[in-house]
């Protein structure tokens, strides 16, 4: 009976000195390996890639809207060659001969641009 108690006491003393097994290879350490697995899963998760594509598309739309300030400006020209006779269908064309140029500015479109840019910024996810 005493032999069992002594054996149990010796076994407990020996077991207190034992240490857990440590890995020799540092790449296979638990934290590093788990972090690599999580990073790979996040990188390859299809929903996250879809969200990243949406973010990229929203940024492109903001850039496109900011660059569209010149949509309000229209430049045009008309060339009427020299004619000796009056056109009976449209007689006003004979009054203006040569090259005619025009620049038109749509004020409504120009005033709406800041609101469109703000709207695109709101649509852009953070």
N, C-alpha and C. Protein backbone atom coordinates (compact mmCIF):
# COMPACT_ATOMS: atom_id res chain seq x y z
N UNK A 1 0.81 -1.17 0.00
CA UNK A 1 0.00 0.00 0.00
C UNK A 1 0.86 1.25 0.00
N UNK A 2 1.88 1.23 0.84
CA UNK A 2 2.79 2.37 0.86
C UNK A 2 3.56 2.49 -0.46
N UNK A 3 3.77 1.35 -1.05
CA UNK A 3 4.50 1.35 -2.31
C UNK A 3 3.72 2.10 -3.40
N UNK A 4 2.41 1.96 -3.42
CA UNK A 4 1.57 2.66 -4.39
C UNK A 4 1.60 4.16 -4.15
N UNK A 5 1.57 4.57 -2.89
CA UNK A 5 1.60 6.00 -2.56
C UNK A 5 2.95 6.61 -2.93
N UNK A 6 4.03 5.89 -2.67
CA UNK A 6 5.36 6.40 -3.01
C UNK A 6 5.51 6.47 -4.53
N UNK A 7 5.04 5.44 -5.20
CA UNK A 7 5.10 5.44 -6.66
C UNK A 7 4.27 6.59 -7.24
N UNK A 8 3.09 6.81 -6.70
CA UNK A 8 2.25 7.91 -7.15
C UNK A 8 2.90 9.26 -6.88
N UNK A 9 3.52 9.41 -5.73
CA UNK A 9 4.23 10.64 -5.39
C UNK A 9 5.41 10.87 -6.33
N UNK A 10 6.20 9.85 -6.60
CA UNK A 10 7.31 9.97 -7.55
C UNK A 10 6.81 10.30 -8.95
N UNK A 11 5.76 9.66 -9.37
CA UNK A 11 5.20 9.92 -10.70
C UNK A 11 4.74 11.37 -10.83
N UNK A 12 4.12 11.91 -9.79
CA UNK A 12 3.65 13.30 -9.81
C UNK A 12 4.83 14.27 -9.83
N UNK A 13 5.88 13.96 -9.13
CA UNK A 13 7.05 14.84 -9.12
C UNK A 13 7.75 14.84 -10.48
N UNK A 14 7.81 13.69 -11.12
CA UNK A 14 8.43 13.61 -12.44
C UNK A 14 7.56 14.34 -13.47
N UNK A 15 6.27 14.19 -13.35
CA UNK A 15 5.38 14.82 -14.32
C UNK A 15 5.38 16.34 -14.19
N UNK A 16 5.70 16.89 -13.04
CA UNK A 16 5.77 18.34 -12.90
C UNK A 16 6.94 18.93 -13.69
N UNK A 17 7.97 18.19 -13.89
CA UNK A 17 9.16 18.67 -14.58
C UNK A 17 9.05 18.54 -16.10
N UNK A 18 8.09 17.83 -16.58
CA UNK A 18 7.98 17.63 -18.03
C UNK A 18 7.51 18.91 -18.70
N UNK A 19 7.95 19.12 -19.93
CA UNK A 19 7.57 20.30 -20.72
C UNK A 19 6.82 19.84 -21.97
N UNK A 20 6.05 20.74 -22.50
CA UNK A 20 5.32 20.42 -23.72
C UNK A 20 6.28 20.35 -24.90
N UNK A 21 5.88 19.61 -25.89
CA UNK A 21 6.73 19.44 -27.07
C UNK A 21 6.71 20.73 -27.88
N UNK A 22 7.86 21.17 -28.32
CA UNK A 22 7.97 22.37 -29.14
C UNK A 22 8.42 21.97 -30.52
N UNK A 23 7.98 22.72 -31.50
CA UNK A 23 8.33 22.41 -32.88
C UNK A 23 9.70 22.99 -33.23
N UNK A 24 10.39 22.29 -34.08
CA UNK A 24 11.69 22.75 -34.54
C UNK A 24 11.50 23.71 -35.71
N UNK A 25 10.53 23.42 -36.56
CA UNK A 25 10.28 24.24 -37.75
C UNK A 25 9.38 25.41 -37.33
N UNK A 26 9.84 26.62 -37.54
CA UNK A 26 9.08 27.79 -37.09
C UNK A 26 7.87 28.07 -37.97
N UNK A 27 7.89 27.67 -39.24
CA UNK A 27 6.76 27.92 -40.12
C UNK A 27 5.53 27.12 -39.72
N UNK A 28 5.72 26.03 -39.02
CA UNK A 28 4.60 25.20 -38.62
C UNK A 28 4.13 25.50 -37.21
N UNK A 29 4.62 26.57 -36.63
CA UNK A 29 4.14 26.97 -35.30
C UNK A 29 2.66 27.27 -35.41
N UNK A 30 1.93 27.03 -34.35
CA UNK A 30 0.47 27.09 -34.39
C UNK A 30 -0.04 28.47 -34.79
N UNK A 31 0.45 29.53 -34.18
CA UNK A 31 -0.05 30.87 -34.47
C UNK A 31 0.27 31.29 -35.89
N UNK A 32 1.49 31.06 -36.31
CA UNK A 32 1.89 31.46 -37.67
C UNK A 32 1.12 30.68 -38.71
N UNK A 33 0.98 29.40 -38.51
CA UNK A 33 0.28 28.55 -39.47
C UNK A 33 -1.20 28.94 -39.54
N UNK A 34 -1.81 29.16 -38.40
CA UNK A 34 -3.23 29.55 -38.38
C UNK A 34 -3.40 30.92 -39.04
N UNK A 35 -2.49 31.85 -38.78
CA UNK A 35 -2.58 33.17 -39.41
C UNK A 35 -2.44 33.06 -40.91
N UNK A 36 -1.55 32.18 -41.39
CA UNK A 36 -1.41 31.99 -42.84
C UNK A 36 -2.68 31.41 -43.43
N UNK A 37 -3.28 30.46 -42.74
CA UNK A 37 -4.53 29.87 -43.22
C UNK A 37 -5.65 30.89 -43.27
N UNK A 38 -5.76 31.71 -42.24
CA UNK A 38 -6.81 32.74 -42.21
C UNK A 38 -6.58 33.78 -43.30
N UNK A 39 -5.33 34.20 -43.49
CA UNK A 39 -5.04 35.18 -44.55
C UNK A 39 -5.35 34.62 -45.93
N UNK A 40 -5.02 33.36 -46.15
CA UNK A 40 -5.33 32.73 -47.44
C UNK A 40 -6.83 32.61 -47.64
N UNK A 41 -7.55 32.26 -46.59
CA UNK A 41 -9.01 32.14 -46.69
C UNK A 41 -9.64 33.50 -46.98
N UNK A 42 -9.16 34.54 -46.33
CA UNK A 42 -9.71 35.88 -46.57
C UNK A 42 -9.41 36.32 -47.99
N UNK A 43 -8.20 36.05 -48.45
CA UNK A 43 -7.80 36.48 -49.80
C UNK A 43 -8.61 35.76 -50.87
N UNK A 44 -8.95 34.50 -50.65
CA UNK A 44 -9.64 33.71 -51.67
C UNK A 44 -11.14 33.61 -51.46
N UNK A 45 -11.69 34.29 -50.47
CA UNK A 45 -13.12 34.23 -50.21
C UNK A 45 -13.87 34.98 -51.30
N UNK A 46 -14.77 34.33 -52.03
CA UNK A 46 -15.41 34.97 -53.19
C UNK A 46 -16.23 36.21 -52.86
N UNK A 47 -16.89 36.22 -51.72
CA UNK A 47 -17.72 37.37 -51.37
C UNK A 47 -16.84 38.61 -51.15
N UNK A 48 -15.68 38.43 -50.52
CA UNK A 48 -14.79 39.57 -50.31
C UNK A 48 -14.23 40.09 -51.63
N UNK A 49 -13.93 39.17 -52.56
CA UNK A 49 -13.46 39.62 -53.87
C UNK A 49 -14.56 40.39 -54.60
N UNK A 50 -15.79 39.94 -54.47
CA UNK A 50 -16.92 40.65 -55.09
C UNK A 50 -17.06 42.04 -54.50
N UNK A 51 -16.94 42.15 -53.19
CA UNK A 51 -17.02 43.47 -52.55
C UNK A 51 -15.86 44.36 -52.99
N UNK A 52 -14.67 43.79 -53.16
CA UNK A 52 -13.53 44.59 -53.61
C UNK A 52 -13.76 45.09 -55.03
N UNK A 53 -14.36 44.25 -55.89
CA UNK A 53 -14.68 44.71 -57.25
C UNK A 53 -15.71 45.84 -57.22
N UNK A 54 -16.67 45.75 -56.30
CA UNK A 54 -17.66 46.83 -56.18
C UNK A 54 -17.00 48.12 -55.71
N UNK A 55 -16.07 48.01 -54.80
CA UNK A 55 -15.35 49.20 -54.32
C UNK A 55 -14.55 49.83 -55.45
N UNK A 56 -13.87 48.99 -56.24
CA UNK A 56 -13.10 49.50 -57.37
C UNK A 56 -13.99 50.16 -58.41
N UNK A 57 -15.17 49.57 -58.66
CA UNK A 57 -16.11 50.16 -59.62
C UNK A 57 -16.64 51.50 -59.10
N UNK A 58 -16.92 51.59 -57.81
CA UNK A 58 -17.40 52.85 -57.24
C UNK A 58 -16.33 53.94 -57.33
N UNK A 59 -15.07 53.57 -57.08
CA UNK A 59 -13.99 54.56 -57.21
C UNK A 59 -13.85 55.02 -58.65
N UNK A 60 -14.01 54.09 -59.60
CA UNK A 60 -13.95 54.47 -61.01
C UNK A 60 -15.09 55.40 -61.39
N UNK A 61 -16.30 55.15 -60.83
CA UNK A 61 -17.44 56.03 -61.11
C UNK A 61 -17.22 57.42 -60.54
N UNK A 62 -16.61 57.52 -59.38
CA UNK A 62 -16.32 58.83 -58.80
C UNK A 62 -15.34 59.58 -59.70
N UNK A 63 -14.31 58.90 -60.15
CA UNK A 63 -13.33 59.54 -61.03
C UNK A 63 -13.97 59.96 -62.34
N UNK A 64 -14.84 59.11 -62.88
CA UNK A 64 -15.51 59.43 -64.14
C UNK A 64 -16.43 60.64 -63.97
N UNK A 65 -17.13 60.71 -62.86
CA UNK A 65 -18.04 61.84 -62.61
C UNK A 65 -17.25 63.13 -62.42
N UNK A 66 -16.12 63.04 -61.72
CA UNK A 66 -15.30 64.24 -61.55
C UNK A 66 -14.72 64.73 -62.87
N UNK A 67 -14.44 63.81 -63.77
CA UNK A 67 -13.86 64.20 -65.06
C UNK A 67 -14.91 64.67 -66.06
N UNK A 68 -16.19 64.56 -65.73
CA UNK A 68 -17.24 64.89 -66.70
C UNK A 68 -17.70 66.34 -66.60
N UNK A 69 -16.86 67.21 -66.12
CA UNK A 69 -17.22 68.64 -66.05
C UNK A 69 -17.41 69.23 -67.44
N UNK A 70 -16.75 68.70 -68.43
CA UNK A 70 -16.84 69.27 -69.77
C UNK A 70 -18.09 68.80 -70.53
N UNK A 71 -18.94 67.98 -69.90
CA UNK A 71 -20.17 67.57 -70.56
C UNK A 71 -21.10 68.76 -70.80
N UNK A 72 -20.99 69.80 -70.03
CA UNK A 72 -21.85 70.96 -70.18
C UNK A 72 -21.42 71.85 -71.33
N UNK A 73 -20.25 71.60 -71.88
CA UNK A 73 -19.71 72.45 -72.95
C UNK A 73 -19.87 71.75 -74.30
N UNK A 74 -20.42 72.48 -75.26
CA UNK A 74 -20.59 71.95 -76.60
C UNK A 74 -19.95 72.91 -77.59
N UNK A 75 -19.10 72.39 -78.44
CA UNK A 75 -18.46 73.19 -79.48
C UNK A 75 -18.91 72.61 -80.82
N UNK A 76 -19.38 73.48 -81.71
CA UNK A 76 -19.85 73.00 -83.02
C UNK A 76 -19.47 74.01 -84.10
N UNK A 77 -19.52 73.54 -85.34
CA UNK A 77 -19.24 74.42 -86.47
C UNK A 77 -20.11 73.99 -87.65
N UNK A 78 -20.33 74.94 -88.56
CA UNK A 78 -21.08 74.70 -89.79
C UNK A 78 -20.31 75.37 -90.92
N UNK A 79 -20.17 74.66 -92.02
CA UNK A 79 -19.49 75.24 -93.18
C UNK A 79 -20.50 75.37 -94.31
N UNK A 80 -20.68 76.60 -94.78
CA UNK A 80 -21.55 76.89 -95.93
C UNK A 80 -20.67 77.37 -97.07
N UNK A 81 -20.55 76.62 -98.13
CA UNK A 81 -19.72 77.07 -99.24
C UNK A 81 -20.34 78.29 -99.93
N UNK A 82 -19.51 79.00 -100.65
CA UNK A 82 -19.98 80.19 -101.39
C UNK A 82 -20.94 79.76 -102.49
N UNK A 83 -22.15 80.34 -102.49
CA UNK A 83 -23.15 80.04 -103.51
C UNK A 83 -23.55 81.35 -104.19
N UNK A 84 -23.68 81.29 -105.49
CA UNK A 84 -24.05 82.49 -106.24
C UNK A 84 -25.56 82.68 -106.27
N UNK A 85 -26.31 81.61 -106.09
CA UNK A 85 -27.78 81.71 -106.17
C UNK A 85 -28.39 81.53 -104.79
N UNK A 86 -29.62 81.97 -104.65
CA UNK A 86 -30.35 81.83 -103.39
C UNK A 86 -31.05 80.48 -103.41
N UNK A 87 -30.96 79.79 -102.31
CA UNK A 87 -31.60 78.48 -102.17
C UNK A 87 -33.09 78.72 -101.92
N UNK A 88 -33.98 78.22 -102.79
CA UNK A 88 -35.42 78.48 -102.59
C UNK A 88 -36.01 77.71 -101.42
N UNK A 89 -35.43 76.60 -101.01
CA UNK A 89 -35.99 75.81 -99.91
C UNK A 89 -35.69 76.48 -98.57
N UNK A 90 -34.46 76.94 -98.39
CA UNK A 90 -34.07 77.60 -97.16
C UNK A 90 -33.25 78.84 -97.53
N UNK A 91 -33.92 79.97 -97.70
CA UNK A 91 -33.21 81.16 -98.18
C UNK A 91 -32.24 81.77 -97.16
N UNK A 92 -32.36 81.42 -95.88
CA UNK A 92 -31.46 82.01 -94.87
C UNK A 92 -30.04 81.46 -94.98
N UNK A 93 -29.88 80.33 -95.62
CA UNK A 93 -28.54 79.76 -95.74
C UNK A 93 -27.65 80.59 -96.64
N UNK A 94 -28.24 81.37 -97.50
CA UNK A 94 -27.41 82.17 -98.41
C UNK A 94 -26.88 83.44 -97.73
N UNK A 95 -27.43 83.82 -96.58
CA UNK A 95 -26.96 85.01 -95.89
C UNK A 95 -25.65 84.76 -95.13
N UNK A 96 -25.52 83.56 -94.61
CA UNK A 96 -24.33 83.23 -93.84
C UNK A 96 -23.46 82.29 -94.64
N UNK A 97 -22.35 82.80 -95.13
CA UNK A 97 -21.46 82.01 -95.96
C UNK A 97 -20.15 81.79 -95.22
N UNK A 98 -19.51 80.68 -95.54
CA UNK A 98 -18.21 80.40 -94.95
C UNK A 98 -18.32 79.49 -93.74
N UNK A 99 -17.41 79.65 -92.81
CA UNK A 99 -17.33 78.81 -91.61
C UNK A 99 -18.00 79.53 -90.44
N UNK A 100 -18.88 78.82 -89.76
CA UNK A 100 -19.55 79.36 -88.57
C UNK A 100 -19.23 78.45 -87.39
N UNK A 101 -18.83 79.04 -86.30
CA UNK A 101 -18.48 78.27 -85.10
C UNK A 101 -19.35 78.72 -83.94
N UNK A 102 -19.60 77.79 -83.04
CA UNK A 102 -20.41 78.10 -81.88
C UNK A 102 -19.93 77.35 -80.65
N UNK A 103 -20.03 78.01 -79.51
CA UNK A 103 -19.70 77.40 -78.22
C UNK A 103 -20.93 77.56 -77.34
N UNK A 104 -21.41 76.45 -76.82
CA UNK A 104 -22.62 76.45 -76.01
C UNK A 104 -22.30 75.90 -74.63
N UNK A 105 -22.84 76.53 -73.61
CA UNK A 105 -22.62 76.09 -72.25
C UNK A 105 -23.97 75.82 -71.61
N UNK A 106 -24.19 74.56 -71.20
CA UNK A 106 -25.44 74.16 -70.56
C UNK A 106 -25.29 74.43 -69.06
N UNK A 107 -25.93 75.48 -68.59
CA UNK A 107 -25.77 75.91 -67.20
C UNK A 107 -26.41 74.90 -66.24
N UNK A 108 -27.51 74.30 -66.64
CA UNK A 108 -28.17 73.32 -65.78
C UNK A 108 -27.29 72.11 -65.51
N UNK A 109 -26.64 71.61 -66.54
CA UNK A 109 -25.71 70.48 -66.37
C UNK A 109 -24.52 70.89 -65.53
N UNK A 110 -24.05 72.10 -65.73
CA UNK A 110 -22.90 72.58 -64.97
C UNK A 110 -23.24 72.72 -63.48
N UNK A 111 -24.45 73.15 -63.17
CA UNK A 111 -24.86 73.31 -61.77
C UNK A 111 -25.16 71.96 -61.11
N UNK A 112 -25.51 70.95 -61.90
CA UNK A 112 -25.83 69.64 -61.34
C UNK A 112 -24.59 68.81 -61.04
N UNK A 113 -23.44 69.17 -61.59
CA UNK A 113 -22.22 68.36 -61.41
C UNK A 113 -21.79 68.21 -59.95
N UNK A 114 -21.77 69.26 -59.13
CA UNK A 114 -21.36 69.03 -57.74
C UNK A 114 -22.26 68.04 -57.00
N UNK A 115 -23.56 68.09 -57.28
CA UNK A 115 -24.48 67.14 -56.63
C UNK A 115 -24.22 65.72 -57.12
N UNK A 116 -23.91 65.55 -58.40
CA UNK A 116 -23.62 64.22 -58.92
C UNK A 116 -22.33 63.67 -58.32
N UNK A 117 -21.34 64.52 -58.14
CA UNK A 117 -20.08 64.07 -57.53
C UNK A 117 -20.31 63.66 -56.08
N UNK A 118 -21.09 64.44 -55.33
CA UNK A 118 -21.40 64.07 -53.94
C UNK A 118 -22.17 62.74 -53.89
N UNK A 119 -23.10 62.57 -54.82
CA UNK A 119 -23.88 61.35 -54.86
C UNK A 119 -22.98 60.14 -55.14
N UNK A 120 -22.02 60.28 -56.05
CA UNK A 120 -21.10 59.18 -56.32
C UNK A 120 -20.21 58.90 -55.12
N UNK A 121 -19.82 59.95 -54.38
CA UNK A 121 -19.01 59.74 -53.18
C UNK A 121 -19.81 59.01 -52.11
N UNK A 122 -21.10 59.27 -52.02
CA UNK A 122 -21.94 58.58 -51.03
C UNK A 122 -22.10 57.12 -51.38
N UNK A 123 -22.18 56.81 -52.70
CA UNK A 123 -22.35 55.43 -53.14
C UNK A 123 -21.08 54.62 -52.92
N UNK A 124 -19.95 55.29 -52.83
CA UNK A 124 -18.69 54.59 -52.67
C UNK A 124 -18.61 54.02 -51.27
N UNK A 125 -18.44 52.70 -51.15
CA UNK A 125 -18.31 52.11 -49.81
C UNK A 125 -16.97 52.47 -49.19
N UNK A 126 -16.96 52.53 -47.88
CA UNK A 126 -15.72 52.90 -47.18
C UNK A 126 -14.85 51.71 -46.95
